[in-house]
């Protein structure tokens, strides 16, 4: 494994990202009902195909979960085994102090893919941000063709900026959507999930208003964005993704936060993309892919 250059540059990643909007099908409903609306496990099947191994080894991280992480892991283990996984291992940390690279280093180096389950994205960044575990994942993603997938909170944590608070009426009030630094597998990209189902367009627009060099990617449930070469994106699954940019936006009142005013922003550019559509993630701020 190569060590990342000391220069402030990032080579083109050899691995891939699968960023999932949540609620991905974990069983093939079409086998039980010929009229089932579900395409089957298309999103999880895509993850398996990206691994490019006859005996794929997967590490499932459930650390975002605040409920029973074993239940979450067992569901994914069953699905991945059904799809042909050779080994499916479980990683779970509740506290940053418990994250010791030596405990899981050999497993992470042997894995073909890492899957980050949902829950609380702020917990993921608080537990793993700046750790040797995260550094190893990034090095392998860049140099060793590691595939990293995240769903729901696991997807939201993969990029920067990262939304961690703001729902309902709060998301319409200027300044009430809270963002922080994510795990930074993508930069200048904000990911939001369950996007159409939970009506999250306005809160993503707040992120764009405060970070106009970033794009927002809202991903619907049972839908995902595959990212290759750090920037080449493709839609998979049975829903849509919505790509928002504010490169030419204007007229925002976001700077009046604290006055309990509803958000205004003009000039947003919006694309709605379905299965098979492709686009290139802009590289506005060098030096990174």
C-alpha atoms as a PDB file:
ATOM      1  CA  UNK A   1       0.000   0.000   0.000  1.00  0.00           C
ATOM      2  CA  UNK A   2       1.356   3.386  -1.002  1.00  0.00           C
ATOM      3  CA  UNK A   3       1.582   6.215   1.499  1.00  0.00           C
ATOM      4  CA  UNK A   4      -0.179   9.447   0.597  1.00  0.00           C
ATOM      5  CA  UNK A   5       2.105  12.138  -0.781  1.00  0.00           C
ATOM      6  CA  UNK A   6       3.278  14.839   1.582  1.00  0.00           C
ATOM      7  CA  UNK A   7       2.386  17.370  -1.072  1.00  0.00           C
ATOM      8  CA  UNK A   8      -0.993  19.034  -0.763  1.00  0.00           C
ATOM      9  CA  UNK A   9      -2.449  17.049  -3.652  1.00  0.00           C
ATOM     10  CA  UNK A  10      -4.692  14.044  -3.997  1.00  0.00           C
ATOM     11  CA  UNK A  11      -4.233  11.516  -6.807  1.00  0.00           C
ATOM     12  CA  UNK A  12      -7.262  10.163  -8.604  1.00  0.00           C
ATOM     13  CA  UNK A  13      -8.828   7.488  -6.359  1.00  0.00           C
ATOM     14  CA  UNK A  14      -8.657   3.946  -7.694  1.00  0.00           C
ATOM     15  CA  UNK A  15     -11.590   2.850  -5.529  1.00  0.00           C
ATOM     16  CA  UNK A  16     -15.268   3.656  -5.757  1.00  0.00           C
ATOM     17  CA  UNK A  17     -17.968   5.136  -3.545  1.00  0.00           C
ATOM     18  CA  UNK A  18     -21.577   3.982  -3.340  1.00  0.00           C
ATOM     19  CA  UNK A  19     -23.672   6.661  -1.649  1.00  0.00           C
ATOM     20  CA  UNK A  20     -27.160   5.378  -0.806  1.00  0.00           C
ATOM     21  CA  UNK A  21     -30.286   7.380   0.016  1.00  0.00           C
ATOM     22  CA  UNK A  22     -31.414   4.944   2.720  1.00  0.00           C
ATOM     23  CA  UNK A  23     -34.125   2.290   2.932  1.00  0.00           C
ATOM     24  CA  UNK A  24     -32.381   0.162   0.319  1.00  0.00           C
ATOM     25  CA  UNK A  25     -34.076  -3.178  -0.390  1.00  0.00           C
ATOM     26  CA  UNK A  26     -32.433  -5.955   1.633  1.00  0.00           C
ATOM     27  CA  UNK A  27     -34.379  -8.815   0.086  1.00  0.00           C
ATOM     28  CA  UNK A  28     -35.494  -9.617  -3.424  1.00  0.00           C
ATOM     29  CA  UNK A  29     -39.224  -8.898  -3.247  1.00  0.00           C
ATOM     30  CA  UNK A  30     -39.612  -9.773  -6.911  1.00  0.00           C
ATOM     31  CA  UNK A  31     -39.007 -13.441  -6.059  1.00  0.00           C
ATOM     32  CA  UNK A  32     -42.063 -13.448  -3.821  1.00  0.00           C
ATOM     33  CA  UNK A  33     -44.368 -11.279  -5.912  1.00  0.00           C
ATOM     34  CA  UNK A  34     -44.091 -11.016  -9.669  1.00  0.00           C
ATOM     35  CA  UNK A  35     -45.843  -7.636  -9.481  1.00  0.00           C
ATOM     36  CA  UNK A  36     -43.600  -6.271  -6.745  1.00  0.00           C
ATOM     37  CA  UNK A  37     -42.635  -2.651  -7.258  1.00  0.00           C
ATOM     38  CA  UNK A  38     -39.165  -3.327  -5.873  1.00  0.00           C
ATOM     39  CA  UNK A  39     -36.456  -4.043  -8.424  1.00  0.00           C
ATOM     40  CA  UNK A  40     -34.967  -6.423  -5.869  1.00  0.00           C
ATOM     41  CA  UNK A  41     -31.673  -5.721  -4.155  1.00  0.00           C
ATOM     42  CA  UNK A  42     -30.348  -3.572  -6.994  1.00  0.00           C
ATOM     43  CA  UNK A  43     -28.441  -1.116  -4.807  1.00  0.00           C
ATOM     44  CA  UNK A  44     -26.769  -3.774  -2.658  1.00  0.00           C
ATOM     45  CA  UNK A  45     -26.119  -5.848  -5.787  1.00  0.00           C
ATOM     46  CA  UNK A  46     -24.331  -2.839  -7.258  1.00  0.00           C
ATOM     47  CA  UNK A  47     -22.077  -2.744  -4.186  1.00  0.00           C
ATOM     48  CA  UNK A  48     -21.187  -6.396  -4.692  1.00  0.00           C
ATOM     49  CA  UNK A  49     -20.413  -5.884  -8.391  1.00  0.00           C
ATOM     50  CA  UNK A  50     -18.122  -2.975  -7.588  1.00  0.00           C
ATOM     51  CA  UNK A  51     -16.010  -5.248  -5.366  1.00  0.00           C
ATOM     52  CA  UNK A  52     -14.713  -7.187  -8.392  1.00  0.00           C
ATOM     53  CA  UNK A  53     -13.807 -10.278  -6.373  1.00  0.00           C
ATOM     54  CA  UNK A  54     -14.913 -13.885  -6.611  1.00  0.00           C
ATOM     55  CA  UNK A  55     -14.678 -14.167  -2.817  1.00  0.00           C
ATOM     56  CA  UNK A  56     -15.570 -10.688  -1.559  1.00  0.00           C
ATOM     57  CA  UNK A  57     -14.755  -9.719   2.012  1.00  0.00           C
ATOM     58  CA  UNK A  58     -16.908  -6.977   3.530  1.00  0.00           C
ATOM     59  CA  UNK A  59     -16.658  -4.989   6.758  1.00  0.00           C
ATOM     60  CA  UNK A  60     -19.966  -3.541   7.969  1.00  0.00           C
ATOM     61  CA  UNK A  61     -19.681  -0.528  10.298  1.00  0.00           C
ATOM     62  CA  UNK A  62     -22.755  -0.001  12.489  1.00  0.00           C
ATOM     63  CA  UNK A  63     -21.279   2.644  14.799  1.00  0.00           C
ATOM     64  CA  UNK A  64     -23.875   5.246  13.783  1.00  0.00           C
ATOM     65  CA  UNK A  65     -26.641   3.107  15.261  1.00  0.00           C
ATOM     66  CA  UNK A  66     -28.156   4.119  18.592  1.00  0.00           C
ATOM     67  CA  UNK A  67     -30.313   1.004  18.745  1.00  0.00           C
ATOM     68  CA  UNK A  68     -29.258  -2.640  18.491  1.00  0.00           C
ATOM     69  CA  UNK A  69     -26.222  -2.706  16.168  1.00  0.00           C
ATOM     70  CA  UNK A  70     -26.307  -6.507  16.044  1.00  0.00           C
ATOM     71  CA  UNK A  71     -29.750  -6.460  14.443  1.00  0.00           C
ATOM     72  CA  UNK A  72     -28.535  -4.025  11.798  1.00  0.00           C
ATOM     73  CA  UNK A  73     -25.441  -6.111  11.111  1.00  0.00           C
ATOM     74  CA  UNK A  74     -27.390  -9.365  10.929  1.00  0.00           C
ATOM     75  CA  UNK A  75     -29.699  -7.920   8.275  1.00  0.00           C
ATOM     76  CA  UNK A  76     -26.786  -6.805   6.125  1.00  0.00           C
ATOM     77  CA  UNK A  77     -24.868 -10.021   6.690  1.00  0.00           C
ATOM     78  CA  UNK A  78     -27.826 -12.053   5.475  1.00  0.00           C
ATOM     79  CA  UNK A  79     -28.280  -9.839   2.404  1.00  0.00           C
ATOM     80  CA  UNK A  80     -24.610  -9.819   1.441  1.00  0.00           C
ATOM     81  CA  UNK A  81     -24.268 -13.567   1.937  1.00  0.00           C
ATOM     82  CA  UNK A  82     -27.303 -14.071  -0.302  1.00  0.00           C
ATOM     83  CA  UNK A  83     -25.587 -11.917  -2.921  1.00  0.00           C
ATOM     84  CA  UNK A  84     -22.389 -13.961  -2.791  1.00  0.00           C
ATOM     85  CA  UNK A  85     -20.198 -12.449  -0.079  1.00  0.00           C
ATOM     86  CA  UNK A  86     -17.471 -14.778   1.190  1.00  0.00           C
ATOM     87  CA  UNK A  87     -16.896 -13.088   4.561  1.00  0.00           C
ATOM     88  CA  UNK A  88     -18.959 -10.375   6.271  1.00  0.00           C
ATOM     89  CA  UNK A  89     -17.461  -8.887   9.449  1.00  0.00           C
ATOM     90  CA  UNK A  90     -18.861  -6.433  11.973  1.00  0.00           C
ATOM     91  CA  UNK A  91     -17.239  -3.242  13.289  1.00  0.00           C
ATOM     92  CA  UNK A  92     -18.929  -1.176  15.986  1.00  0.00           C
ATOM     93  CA  UNK A  93     -17.555   1.588  18.213  1.00  0.00           C
ATOM     94  CA  UNK A  94     -19.555   3.729  20.613  1.00  0.00           C
ATOM     95  CA  UNK A  95     -16.648   5.855  21.830  1.00  0.00           C
ATOM     96  CA  UNK A  96     -13.664   7.465  20.153  1.00  0.00           C
ATOM     97  CA  UNK A  97     -11.326   6.046  22.804  1.00  0.00           C
ATOM     98  CA  UNK A  98     -12.276   2.533  21.689  1.00  0.00           C
ATOM     99  CA  UNK A  99     -11.113   3.084  18.097  1.00  0.00           C
ATOM    100  CA  UNK A 100      -7.754   1.279  17.986  1.00  0.00           C
ATOM    101  CA  UNK A 101      -6.403   0.628  14.510  1.00  0.00           C
ATOM    102  CA  UNK A 102      -4.343  -2.381  15.606  1.00  0.00           C
ATOM    103  CA  UNK A 103      -7.538  -4.206  16.617  1.00  0.00           C
ATOM    104  CA  UNK A 104      -8.957  -4.182  13.088  1.00  0.00           C
ATOM    105  CA  UNK A 105      -6.043  -3.202  10.839  1.00  0.00           C
ATOM    106  CA  UNK A 106      -5.531  -6.622   9.243  1.00  0.00           C
ATOM    107  CA  UNK A 107      -9.248  -6.952   8.565  1.00  0.00           C
ATOM    108  CA  UNK A 108      -9.482  -3.513   6.962  1.00  0.00           C
ATOM    109  CA  UNK A 109      -6.447  -4.265   4.788  1.00  0.00           C
ATOM    110  CA  UNK A 110      -8.035  -7.539   3.634  1.00  0.00           C
ATOM    111  CA  UNK A 111     -11.489  -6.104   2.915  1.00  0.00           C
ATOM    112  CA  UNK A 112     -12.680  -5.511  -0.620  1.00  0.00           C
ATOM    113  CA  UNK A 113     -15.486  -3.260   0.598  1.00  0.00           C
ATOM    114  CA  UNK A 114     -16.595  -1.320   3.664  1.00  0.00           C
ATOM    115  CA  UNK A 115     -20.285  -0.618   4.237  1.00  0.00           C
ATOM    116  CA  UNK A 116     -21.310   2.150   6.692  1.00  0.00           C
ATOM    117  CA  UNK A 117     -24.843   1.660   8.001  1.00  0.00           C
ATOM    118  CA  UNK A 118     -27.271   4.378   9.078  1.00  0.00           C
ATOM    119  CA  UNK A 119     -28.097   6.071  12.369  1.00  0.00           C
ATOM    120  CA  UNK A 120     -26.485   9.330  13.525  1.00  0.00           C
ATOM    121  CA  UNK A 121     -23.965  10.906  11.157  1.00  0.00           C
ATOM    122  CA  UNK A 122     -22.602  13.199  13.878  1.00  0.00           C
ATOM    123  CA  UNK A 123     -21.651  10.137  15.908  1.00  0.00           C
ATOM    124  CA  UNK A 124     -19.684   8.793  12.942  1.00  0.00           C
ATOM    125  CA  UNK A 125     -17.631  11.971  12.560  1.00  0.00           C
ATOM    126  CA  UNK A 126     -17.119  12.331  16.319  1.00  0.00           C
ATOM    127  CA  UNK A 127     -15.944   8.729  16.674  1.00  0.00           C
ATOM    128  CA  UNK A 128     -13.814   8.335  13.524  1.00  0.00           C
ATOM    129  CA  UNK A 129     -12.778  11.833  12.435  1.00  0.00           C
ATOM    130  CA  UNK A 130      -8.982  12.195  12.447  1.00  0.00           C
ATOM    131  CA  UNK A 131      -8.338   8.590  13.492  1.00  0.00           C
ATOM    132  CA  UNK A 132      -5.852   6.165  11.987  1.00  0.00           C
ATOM    133  CA  UNK A 133      -8.801   3.968  11.014  1.00  0.00           C
ATOM    134  CA  UNK A 134     -10.229   6.723   8.813  1.00  0.00           C
ATOM    135  CA  UNK A 135      -6.778   7.461   7.369  1.00  0.00           C
ATOM    136  CA  UNK A 136      -6.336   3.795   6.421  1.00  0.00           C
ATOM    137  CA  UNK A 137      -9.747   3.740   4.711  1.00  0.00           C
ATOM    138  CA  UNK A 138      -8.833   6.847   2.704  1.00  0.00           C
ATOM    139  CA  UNK A 139      -5.425   5.463   1.717  1.00  0.00           C
ATOM    140  CA  UNK A 140      -6.975   2.211   0.541  1.00  0.00           C
ATOM    141  CA  UNK A 141      -9.763   4.038  -1.295  1.00  0.00           C
ATOM    142  CA  UNK A 142      -7.183   6.144  -3.125  1.00  0.00           C
ATOM    143  CA  UNK A 143      -4.526   3.518  -3.817  1.00  0.00           C
ATOM    144  CA  UNK A 144      -5.957   0.006  -3.352  1.00  0.00           C
ATOM    145  CA  UNK A 145      -9.340   0.012  -5.140  1.00  0.00           C
ATOM    146  CA  UNK A 146     -11.319  -0.195  -1.888  1.00  0.00           C
ATOM    147  CA  UNK A 147     -15.066   0.272  -2.341  1.00  0.00           C
ATOM    148  CA  UNK A 148     -16.757   2.296   0.386  1.00  0.00           C
ATOM    149  CA  UNK A 149     -20.533   2.445   0.681  1.00  0.00           C
ATOM    150  CA  UNK A 150     -22.735   4.369   3.067  1.00  0.00           C
ATOM    151  CA  UNK A 151     -26.488   4.471   3.550  1.00  0.00           C
ATOM    152  CA  UNK A 152     -28.634   7.152   5.184  1.00  0.00           C
ATOM    153  CA  UNK A 153     -26.434   8.685   7.934  1.00  0.00           C
ATOM    154  CA  UNK A 154     -23.540   6.599   6.635  1.00  0.00           C
ATOM    155  CA  UNK A 155     -23.963   8.311   3.266  1.00  0.00           C
ATOM    156  CA  UNK A 156     -24.345  11.816   4.697  1.00  0.00           C
ATOM    157  CA  UNK A 157     -21.122  11.436   6.682  1.00  0.00           C
ATOM    158  CA  UNK A 158     -19.066  10.592   3.593  1.00  0.00           C
ATOM    159  CA  UNK A 159     -18.888  14.154   2.268  1.00  0.00           C
ATOM    160  CA  UNK A 160     -18.186  17.707   3.403  1.00  0.00           C
ATOM    161  CA  UNK A 161     -20.105  19.836   4.286  1.00  0.00           C
ATOM    162  CA  UNK A 162     -22.303  17.487   6.330  1.00  0.00           C
ATOM    163  CA  UNK A 163     -25.796  18.277   7.624  1.00  0.00           C
ATOM    164  CA  UNK A 164     -26.405  17.154  11.194  1.00  0.00           C
ATOM    165  CA  UNK A 165     -29.453  19.139  12.312  1.00  0.00           C
ATOM    166  CA  UNK A 166     -32.479  20.879  10.823  1.00  0.00           C
ATOM    167  CA  UNK A 167     -35.879  19.360  10.099  1.00  0.00           C
ATOM    168  CA  UNK A 168     -39.456  20.524   9.709  1.00  0.00           C
ATOM    169  CA  UNK A 169     -40.056  24.243  10.109  1.00  0.00           C
ATOM    170  CA  UNK A 170     -36.472  24.754  11.288  1.00  0.00           C
ATOM    171  CA  UNK A 171     -35.065  23.905   7.874  1.00  0.00           C
ATOM    172  CA  UNK A 172     -36.980  26.827   6.330  1.00  0.00           C
ATOM    173  CA  UNK A 173     -35.594  29.435   8.767  1.00  0.00           C
ATOM    174  CA  UNK A 174     -32.358  31.069   7.618  1.00  0.00           C
ATOM    175  CA  UNK A 175     -29.411  29.697   9.570  1.00  0.00           C
ATOM    176  CA  UNK A 176     -31.290  26.885  11.303  1.00  0.00           C
ATOM    177  CA  UNK A 177     -29.701  24.045   9.346  1.00  0.00           C
ATOM    178  CA  UNK A 178     -26.509  22.973  11.094  1.00  0.00           C
ATOM    179  CA  UNK A 179     -23.521  21.658   9.175  1.00  0.00           C
ATOM    180  CA  UNK A 180     -20.037  20.458  10.036  1.00  0.00           C
ATOM    181  CA  UNK A 181     -17.099  18.632   8.480  1.00  0.00           C
ATOM    182  CA  UNK A 182     -17.866  15.088   7.359  1.00  0.00           C
ATOM    183  CA  UNK A 183     -15.457  12.218   6.714  1.00  0.00           C
ATOM    184  CA  UNK A 184     -14.402  13.906   3.447  1.00  0.00           C
ATOM    185  CA  UNK A 185     -14.379  11.106   0.932  1.00  0.00           C
ATOM    186  CA  UNK A 186     -15.941  13.841  -1.187  1.00  0.00           C
ATOM    187  CA  UNK A 187     -15.311  17.543  -0.647  1.00  0.00           C
ATOM    188  CA  UNK A 188     -17.418  20.510  -1.703  1.00  0.00           C
ATOM    189  CA  UNK A 189     -20.324  18.081  -1.920  1.00  0.00           C
ATOM    190  CA  UNK A 190     -23.183  17.849   0.565  1.00  0.00           C
ATOM    191  CA  UNK A 191     -25.147  14.596   0.637  1.00  0.00           C
ATOM    192  CA  UNK A 192     -28.712  14.386   1.931  1.00  0.00           C
ATOM    193  CA  UNK A 193     -30.741  11.179   2.038  1.00  0.00           C
ATOM    194  CA  UNK A 194     -34.407  10.095   2.061  1.00  0.00           C
ATOM    195  CA  UNK A 195     -34.540  13.238  -0.031  1.00  0.00           C
ATOM    196  CA  UNK A 196     -37.891  13.147  -1.805  1.00  0.00           C
ATOM    197  CA  UNK A 197     -39.650  11.025   0.792  1.00  0.00           C
ATOM    198  CA  UNK A 198     -38.887  13.510   3.588  1.00  0.00           C
ATOM    199  CA  UNK A 199     -39.028  16.729   1.567  1.00  0.00           C
ATOM    200  CA  UNK A 200     -35.484  17.921   2.223  1.00  0.00           C
ATOM    201  CA  UNK A 201     -34.993  20.298  -0.707  1.00  0.00           C
ATOM    202  CA  UNK A 202     -35.124  23.494   1.382  1.00  0.00           C
ATOM    203  CA  UNK A 203     -32.596  22.357   3.941  1.00  0.00           C
ATOM    204  CA  UNK A 204     -30.169  21.417   1.173  1.00  0.00           C
ATOM    205  CA  UNK A 205     -30.701  24.876  -0.326  1.00  0.00           C
ATOM    206  CA  UNK A 206     -29.569  26.359   3.004  1.00  0.00           C
ATOM    207  CA  UNK A 207     -26.292  24.478   2.675  1.00  0.00           C
ATOM    208  CA  UNK A 208     -25.845  25.862  -0.833  1.00  0.00           C
ATOM    209  CA  UNK A 209     -26.625  29.388   0.373  1.00  0.00           C
ATOM    210  CA  UNK A 210     -23.847  29.178   2.961  1.00  0.00           C
ATOM    211  CA  UNK A 211     -21.436  27.172   0.764  1.00  0.00           C
ATOM    212  CA  UNK A 212     -22.027  28.339  -2.831  1.00  0.00           C
ATOM    213  CA  UNK A 213     -18.936  26.529  -4.166  1.00  0.00           C
ATOM    214  CA  UNK A 214     -20.431  23.222  -3.015  1.00  0.00           C
ATOM    215  CA  UNK A 215     -23.043  21.154  -4.794  1.00  0.00           C
ATOM    216  CA  UNK A 216     -25.889  19.409  -3.025  1.00  0.00           C
ATOM    217  CA  UNK A 217     -26.831  15.848  -3.940  1.00  0.00           C
ATOM    218  CA  UNK A 218     -30.175  14.702  -2.571  1.00  0.00           C
ATOM    219  CA  UNK A 219     -30.656  10.952  -2.918  1.00  0.00           C
ATOM    220  CA  UNK A 220     -34.025   9.245  -2.671  1.00  0.00           C
ATOM    221  CA  UNK A 221     -34.610   5.962  -0.868  1.00  0.00           C
ATOM    222  CA  UNK A 222     -33.505   2.685  -2.511  1.00  0.00           C
ATOM    223  CA  UNK A 223     -31.391   4.807  -4.851  1.00  0.00           C
ATOM    224  CA  UNK A 224     -27.664   5.482  -4.934  1.00  0.00           C
ATOM    225  CA  UNK A 225     -24.897   7.427  -6.581  1.00  0.00           C
ATOM    226  CA  UNK A 226     -21.814   5.525  -7.706  1.00  0.00           C
ATOM    227  CA  UNK A 227     -18.665   7.676  -7.794  1.00  0.00           C
ATOM    228  CA  UNK A 228     -15.621   6.520  -9.757  1.00  0.00           C
ATOM    229  CA  UNK A 229     -12.332   8.405 -10.219  1.00  0.00           C
ATOM    230  CA  UNK A 230     -13.413  10.704  -7.403  1.00  0.00           C
ATOM    231  CA  UNK A 231     -15.754  12.663  -9.685  1.00  0.00           C
ATOM    232  CA  UNK A 232     -17.592  10.512 -12.245  1.00  0.00           C
ATOM    233  CA  UNK A 233     -21.096   9.870 -10.884  1.00  0.00           C
ATOM    234  CA  UNK A 234     -23.845   7.508 -12.018  1.00  0.00           C
ATOM    235  CA  UNK A 235     -27.365   6.922 -10.662  1.00  0.00           C
ATOM    236  CA  UNK A 236     -28.518   3.408  -9.740  1.00  0.00           C
ATOM    237  CA  UNK A 237     -31.689   2.152  -8.066  1.00  0.00           C
ATOM    238  CA  UNK A 238     -35.394   2.801  -8.445  1.00  0.00           C
ATOM    239  CA  UNK A 239     -35.674   6.492  -7.477  1.00  0.00           C
ATOM    240  CA  UNK A 240     -34.044   9.784  -8.412  1.00  0.00           C
ATOM    241  CA  UNK A 241     -31.262  12.005  -7.200  1.00  0.00           C
ATOM    242  CA  UNK A 242     -31.517  15.789  -7.246  1.00  0.00           C
ATOM    243  CA  UNK A 243     -28.355  17.782  -7.881  1.00  0.00           C
ATOM    244  CA  UNK A 244     -28.392  21.412  -6.761  1.00  0.00           C
ATOM    245  CA  UNK A 245     -25.729  24.027  -7.337  1.00  0.00           C
ATOM    246  CA  UNK A 246     -25.628  27.684  -6.440  1.00  0.00           C
ATOM    247  CA  UNK A 247     -22.662  28.780  -8.526  1.00  0.00           C
ATOM    248  CA  UNK A 248     -24.783  31.611  -9.948  1.00  0.00           C
ATOM    249  CA  UNK A 249     -27.084  32.029  -6.975  1.00  0.00           C
ATOM    250  CA  UNK A 250     -27.931  35.456  -5.594  1.00  0.00           C
ATOM    251  CA  UNK A 251     -30.403  37.350  -3.461  1.00  0.00           C
ATOM    252  CA  UNK A 252     -30.084  35.185  -0.371  1.00  0.00           C
ATOM    253  CA  UNK A 253     -30.976  36.362   3.129  1.00  0.00           C
ATOM    254  CA  UNK A 254     -28.942  33.607   4.807  1.00  0.00           C
ATOM    255  CA  UNK A 255     -26.749  36.228   6.522  1.00  0.00           C
ATOM    256  CA  UNK A 256     -29.786  37.413   8.522  1.00  0.00           C
ATOM    257  CA  UNK A 257     -29.832  34.210  10.564  1.00  0.00           C
ATOM    258  CA  UNK A 258     -31.134  34.741  14.055  1.00  0.00           C
ATOM    259  CA  UNK A 259     -33.964  36.975  12.879  1.00  0.00           C
ATOM    260  CA  UNK A 260     -36.350  34.036  12.474  1.00  0.00           C
ATOM    261  CA  UNK A 261     -36.780  34.818   8.771  1.00  0.00           C
ATOM    262  CA  UNK A 262     -37.644  32.187   6.201  1.00  0.00           C
ATOM    263  CA  UNK A 263     -34.869  31.392   3.742  1.00  0.00           C
ATOM    264  CA  UNK A 264     -34.636  33.177   0.411  1.00  0.00           C
ATOM    265  CA  UNK A 265     -32.176  32.206  -2.310  1.00  0.00           C
ATOM    266  CA  UNK A 266     -32.458  32.856  -6.043  1.00  0.00           C
ATOM    267  CA  UNK A 267     -30.741  31.414  -9.085  1.00  0.00           C
ATOM    268  CA  UNK A 268     -30.282  27.804  -8.003  1.00  0.00           C
ATOM    269  CA  UNK A 269     -29.593  25.266 -10.731  1.00  0.00           C
ATOM    270  CA  UNK A 270     -31.409  21.946 -10.311  1.00  0.00           C
ATOM    271  CA  UNK A 271     -31.096  18.635 -12.159  1.00  0.00           C
ATOM    272  CA  UNK A 272     -33.305  15.600 -11.500  1.00  0.00           C
ATOM    273  CA  UNK A 273     -31.574  12.388 -12.540  1.00  0.00           C
ATOM    274  CA  UNK A 274     -32.829   8.809 -12.688  1.00  0.00           C
ATOM    275  CA  UNK A 275     -31.250   5.392 -13.164  1.00  0.00           C
ATOM    276  CA  UNK A 276     -28.411   5.333 -15.664  1.00  0.00           C
ATOM    277  CA  UNK A 277     -27.889   9.100 -15.762  1.00  0.00           C
ATOM    278  CA  UNK A 278     -24.326  10.330 -15.325  1.00  0.00           C
ATOM    279  CA  UNK A 279     -22.704  13.602 -14.361  1.00  0.00           C
ATOM    280  CA  UNK A 280     -19.325  14.948 -13.322  1.00  0.00           C
ATOM    281  CA  UNK A 281     -18.823  16.332  -9.829  1.00  0.00           C
ATOM    282  CA  UNK A 282     -17.276  19.818 -10.242  1.00  0.00           C
ATOM    283  CA  UNK A 283     -13.757  20.398  -8.959  1.00  0.00           C
ATOM    284  CA  UNK A 284     -13.950  24.031  -7.925  1.00  0.00           C
ATOM    285  CA  UNK A 285     -11.403  24.262  -5.134  1.00  0.00           C
ATOM    286  CA  UNK A 286      -7.968  22.782  -5.885  1.00  0.00           C
ATOM    287  CA  UNK A 287      -6.049  20.851  -4.854  1.00  0.00           C
ATOM    288  CA  UNK A 288      -8.310  17.836  -4.445  1.00  0.00           C
ATOM    289  CA  UNK A 289     -10.221  15.357  -6.513  1.00  0.00           C
END
